[in-house]
């Protein structure tokens, strides 16, 4: 299953990371004058400190040490720029996808198959899990622990599960697709319980309690074999989405 690339952990969040990199470059080009001035000022400090021994009694070793320390802070400008543009928080979204993928990789591949990043009409399902008699459409989200964002995220998970069910039905494989929302972030363990909660028709679970919700996913159906027809249909949907997004 993981040999075809669709179920590899590294695939999870890859598309989102690529989009963020493109946006970061776009913003950097837009603000190139400001960034260039900041870089020149920084380089000027490094040069001034590095040449101190030439026109003062400063020790060359001390000057080199201070210049190295100042030079080492250069990435700070990029970090501050990323935070200022609101990209830092969004970078945690792909990380949340990767963490969920790592947990899903623990499933028994004889009965459960995972495909990450399945494109559907301009949006994607983060993870699709096909098992014995059931299909899950899973969304991974990063949050600071507040539950107020859940409504929109749960609606998104439900909408994408419905779209996936329509895609499967169009391929002659009618299946109910269960929406699941996995949340990650600081303070989640203290603010959330191990058991799943319902937000509309979407089950919501905390990623840090993966052992609990993975057991709930698998226990009720583990006596049946993999729904191979559903898996092949999801695989076809994923590959079709990859071909479209490659253009």
Protein backbone atom coordinates (compact mmCIF):
# COMPACT_ATOMS: atom_id res chain seq x y z
CA UNK A 1 0.00 0.00 0.00
CA UNK A 2 2.70 2.51 0.94
CA UNK A 3 4.74 1.50 -2.07
CA UNK A 4 2.43 3.40 -4.44
CA UNK A 5 3.21 6.69 -2.70
CA UNK A 6 -0.41 7.59 -1.95
CA UNK A 7 -0.21 6.25 1.59
CA UNK A 8 3.27 7.47 2.50
CA UNK A 9 3.49 9.71 5.56
CA UNK A 10 5.59 12.26 3.69
CA UNK A 11 2.70 12.85 1.25
CA UNK A 12 0.52 14.21 4.07
CA UNK A 13 0.58 18.01 4.08
CA UNK A 14 2.95 18.13 1.10
CA UNK A 15 0.54 20.12 -1.07
CA UNK A 16 -0.17 22.61 1.73
CA UNK A 17 3.54 23.11 2.40
CA UNK A 18 4.15 23.74 -1.29
CA UNK A 19 1.40 26.35 -1.41
CA UNK A 20 2.78 28.11 1.67
CA UNK A 21 6.26 28.21 0.15
CA UNK A 22 4.83 29.78 -3.00
CA UNK A 23 2.97 32.36 -0.96
CA UNK A 24 6.09 33.14 1.10
CA UNK A 25 8.08 33.74 -2.11
CA UNK A 26 5.31 35.90 -3.50
CA UNK A 27 5.28 38.02 -0.36
CA UNK A 28 9.08 38.20 -0.34
CA UNK A 29 9.10 39.50 -3.92
CA UNK A 30 6.39 42.00 -3.04
CA UNK A 31 8.40 43.28 -0.07
CA UNK A 32 11.88 42.89 -1.57
CA UNK A 33 12.90 46.51 -0.93
CA UNK A 34 12.16 46.33 2.79
CA UNK A 35 13.86 42.94 3.11
CA UNK A 36 16.91 44.15 1.16
CA UNK A 37 17.32 47.20 3.41
CA UNK A 38 17.08 45.02 6.52
CA UNK A 39 19.67 42.60 5.10
CA UNK A 40 22.07 45.40 4.15
CA UNK A 41 21.85 46.91 7.63
CA UNK A 42 22.52 43.52 9.15
CA UNK A 43 25.52 42.88 6.87
CA UNK A 44 26.79 46.36 7.70
CA UNK A 45 26.80 45.52 11.41
CA UNK A 46 28.69 42.28 10.74
CA UNK A 47 31.33 44.07 8.63
CA UNK A 48 31.73 46.86 11.17
CA UNK A 49 32.21 44.45 14.05
CA UNK A 50 34.49 42.17 12.06
CA UNK A 51 36.85 45.07 11.22
CA UNK A 52 37.03 46.44 14.77
CA UNK A 53 40.61 45.16 15.30
CA UNK A 54 41.77 47.24 12.31
CA UNK A 55 40.89 50.58 13.89
CA UNK A 56 40.61 49.80 17.62
CA UNK A 57 42.43 47.73 20.22
CA UNK A 58 39.70 45.10 20.18
CA UNK A 59 40.82 41.49 20.14
CA UNK A 60 40.41 39.79 16.70
CA UNK A 61 39.05 36.70 18.43
CA UNK A 62 36.46 38.72 20.32
CA UNK A 63 35.47 40.64 17.16
CA UNK A 64 35.11 37.41 15.19
CA UNK A 65 32.99 35.91 17.97
CA UNK A 66 30.63 38.91 18.11
CA UNK A 67 30.42 39.10 14.31
CA UNK A 68 29.54 35.41 14.19
CA UNK A 69 26.82 35.89 16.79
CA UNK A 70 25.32 38.80 14.86
CA UNK A 71 25.53 36.86 11.59
CA UNK A 72 23.79 33.95 13.25
CA UNK A 73 20.76 36.12 13.95
CA UNK A 74 20.18 36.75 10.22
CA UNK A 75 17.45 34.06 10.00
CA UNK A 76 15.55 36.05 12.62
CA UNK A 77 14.61 38.57 9.93
CA UNK A 78 13.01 35.82 7.89
CA UNK A 79 11.24 34.43 10.93
CA UNK A 80 9.86 37.84 11.91
CA UNK A 81 8.73 38.38 8.32
CA UNK A 82 6.93 35.03 8.24
CA UNK A 83 5.19 35.78 11.56
CA UNK A 84 4.24 39.26 10.43
CA UNK A 85 2.60 37.91 7.29
CA UNK A 86 0.58 35.35 9.28
CA UNK A 87 2.31 32.36 7.69
CA UNK A 88 3.86 30.90 10.84
CA UNK A 89 0.57 29.75 12.33
CA UNK A 90 -0.58 28.33 9.00
CA UNK A 91 2.62 26.30 8.72
CA UNK A 92 1.37 24.19 11.61
CA UNK A 93 -1.50 22.89 9.47
CA UNK A 94 0.76 20.66 7.33
CA UNK A 95 2.50 19.51 10.50
CA UNK A 96 -0.86 18.44 11.94
CA UNK A 97 -1.48 16.43 8.78
CA UNK A 98 1.88 14.72 9.15
CA UNK A 99 1.22 13.85 12.80
CA UNK A 100 -2.14 12.31 11.92
CA UNK A 101 -0.49 10.39 9.07
CA UNK A 102 2.07 8.98 11.50
CA UNK A 103 -0.72 7.70 13.73
CA UNK A 104 -2.67 6.22 10.81
CA UNK A 105 0.49 4.40 9.70
CA UNK A 106 0.02 2.18 12.78
CA UNK A 107 -3.12 0.60 11.32
CA UNK A 108 -3.01 -3.04 10.23
CA UNK A 109 -2.41 -2.80 6.48
CA UNK A 110 -3.99 -6.20 5.93
CA UNK A 111 -7.38 -4.67 6.74
CA UNK A 112 -6.90 -0.93 6.55
CA UNK A 113 -5.52 1.28 3.78
CA UNK A 114 -4.72 4.98 3.95
CA UNK A 115 -4.45 7.53 1.15
CA UNK A 116 -3.36 11.07 1.96
CA UNK A 117 -4.27 14.29 0.18
CA UNK A 118 -7.16 13.29 -2.08
CA UNK A 119 -8.19 16.17 -4.36
CA UNK A 120 -11.91 16.82 -4.90
CA UNK A 121 -13.08 19.72 -7.08
CA UNK A 122 -10.48 22.25 -5.97
CA UNK A 123 -10.17 21.10 -2.36
CA UNK A 124 -8.70 18.06 -0.71
CA UNK A 125 -9.43 15.45 1.92
CA UNK A 126 -6.36 15.29 4.16
CA UNK A 127 -6.61 11.52 4.73
CA UNK A 128 -8.94 8.81 3.46
CA UNK A 129 -8.99 5.57 5.41
CA UNK A 130 -10.64 2.49 3.92
CA UNK A 131 -11.23 -0.52 6.10
CA UNK A 132 -13.61 -3.41 6.64
CA UNK A 133 -16.98 -2.08 5.58
CA UNK A 134 -16.25 1.60 6.21
CA UNK A 135 -14.59 4.65 4.69
CA UNK A 136 -13.38 7.65 6.69
CA UNK A 137 -12.70 11.14 5.35
CA UNK A 138 -10.33 12.68 7.90
CA UNK A 139 -9.36 16.33 8.30
CA UNK A 140 -6.39 17.38 10.45
CA UNK A 141 -6.37 20.82 12.06
CA UNK A 142 -4.06 22.82 14.32
CA UNK A 143 -5.67 24.87 17.08
CA UNK A 144 -4.57 26.62 20.25
CA UNK A 145 -7.20 24.63 22.11
CA UNK A 146 -10.23 26.79 21.52
CA UNK A 147 -13.36 24.96 20.45
CA UNK A 148 -14.99 27.93 18.75
CA UNK A 149 -13.34 27.08 15.43
CA UNK A 150 -14.90 23.61 15.42
CA UNK A 151 -18.11 24.48 13.64
CA UNK A 152 -16.41 25.57 10.45
CA UNK A 153 -13.81 22.79 10.54
CA UNK A 154 -16.48 20.14 11.19
CA UNK A 155 -18.64 21.49 8.36
CA UNK A 156 -15.60 21.31 6.08
CA UNK A 157 -14.96 17.69 7.04
CA UNK A 158 -18.60 16.79 6.43
CA UNK A 159 -18.69 18.57 3.06
CA UNK A 160 -15.57 16.79 1.86
CA UNK A 161 -16.86 13.42 3.08
CA UNK A 162 -20.04 14.01 1.07
CA UNK A 163 -18.03 14.93 -2.04
CA UNK A 164 -15.92 11.80 -1.68
CA UNK A 165 -19.06 9.66 -1.36
CA UNK A 166 -20.36 11.24 -4.58
CA UNK A 167 -17.08 10.46 -6.35
CA UNK A 168 -17.22 6.84 -5.23
CA UNK A 169 -20.85 6.54 -6.27
CA UNK A 170 -19.95 7.91 -9.72
CA UNK A 171 -17.44 5.07 -10.01
CA UNK A 172 -20.07 2.48 -9.16
CA UNK A 173 -18.90 1.99 -5.57
CA UNK A 174 -21.63 3.47 -3.37
CA UNK A 175 -20.32 3.79 0.19
CA UNK A 176 -21.13 5.84 3.25
CA UNK A 177 -18.15 8.07 4.06
CA UNK A 178 -17.72 8.99 7.73
CA UNK A 179 -16.28 12.47 8.45
CA UNK A 180 -13.68 12.68 11.20
CA UNK A 181 -11.86 15.77 12.48
CA UNK A 182 -8.49 15.31 14.25
CA UNK A 183 -7.22 18.35 16.15
CA UNK A 184 -3.69 19.06 17.35
CA UNK A 185 -2.12 21.93 19.24
CA UNK A 186 -0.81 23.21 22.59
CA UNK A 187 -3.01 22.50 25.59
CA UNK A 188 -5.14 19.94 23.77
CA UNK A 189 -4.40 17.21 26.30
CA UNK A 190 -5.64 19.40 29.17
CA UNK A 191 -8.69 20.85 27.41
CA UNK A 192 -9.97 17.79 25.53
CA UNK A 193 -11.11 14.34 26.61
CA UNK A 194 -9.90 11.07 25.05
CA UNK A 195 -13.38 10.18 23.78
CA UNK A 196 -14.78 11.58 20.55
CA UNK A 197 -17.39 14.34 20.54
CA UNK A 198 -19.93 15.20 17.85
CA UNK A 199 -20.03 18.53 16.05
CA UNK A 200 -23.00 18.21 13.73
CA UNK A 201 -22.45 14.88 11.96
CA UNK A 202 -18.67 15.00 12.32
CA UNK A 203 -16.77 13.08 14.97
CA UNK A 204 -14.10 15.25 16.59
CA UNK A 205 -11.06 13.75 18.34
CA UNK A 206 -7.80 15.03 19.83
CA UNK A 207 -4.71 13.80 18.01
CA UNK A 208 -2.82 13.25 21.26
CA UNK A 209 -5.34 10.55 22.19
CA UNK A 210 -4.74 8.63 18.96
CA UNK A 211 -4.63 5.26 20.68
CA UNK A 212 -8.19 5.77 21.89
CA UNK A 213 -9.78 6.96 18.64
CA UNK A 214 -7.86 4.51 16.46
CA UNK A 215 -9.25 1.70 18.61
CA UNK A 216 -12.76 3.06 18.16
CA UNK A 217 -12.26 3.23 14.41
CA UNK A 218 -11.10 -0.34 14.07
CA UNK A 219 -12.66 -2.44 16.84
CA UNK A 220 -16.19 -2.70 15.48
CA UNK A 221 -15.17 -3.93 12.03
CA UNK A 222 -11.93 -5.83 12.42
CA UNK A 223 -13.61 -9.18 11.91
CA UNK A 224 -14.27 -8.31 8.25
CA UNK A 225 -11.75 -8.00 5.41
CA UNK A 226 -10.63 -4.87 3.61
CA UNK A 227 -13.18 -3.25 1.30
CA UNK A 228 -10.84 -3.54 -1.67
CA UNK A 229 -13.35 -2.14 -4.20
CA UNK A 230 -13.71 1.05 -2.16
CA UNK A 231 -9.95 1.33 -1.76
CA UNK A 232 -9.33 1.02 -5.50
CA UNK A 233 -12.02 3.64 -6.18
CA UNK A 234 -10.43 6.09 -3.69
CA UNK A 235 -7.04 5.37 -5.26
CA UNK A 236 -8.48 6.27 -8.68
CA UNK A 237 -9.91 9.52 -7.30
CA UNK A 238 -6.53 10.41 -5.74
CA UNK A 239 -4.59 9.71 -8.92
CA UNK A 240 -7.08 11.70 -11.02
CA UNK A 241 -6.68 14.64 -8.62
CA UNK A 242 -2.89 14.40 -8.86
CA UNK A 243 -3.01 14.53 -12.64
CA UNK A 244 -5.28 17.59 -12.63
CA UNK A 245 -3.20 19.48 -10.04
CA UNK A 246 -0.02 18.73 -11.99
CA UNK A 247 -1.18 20.92 -14.88
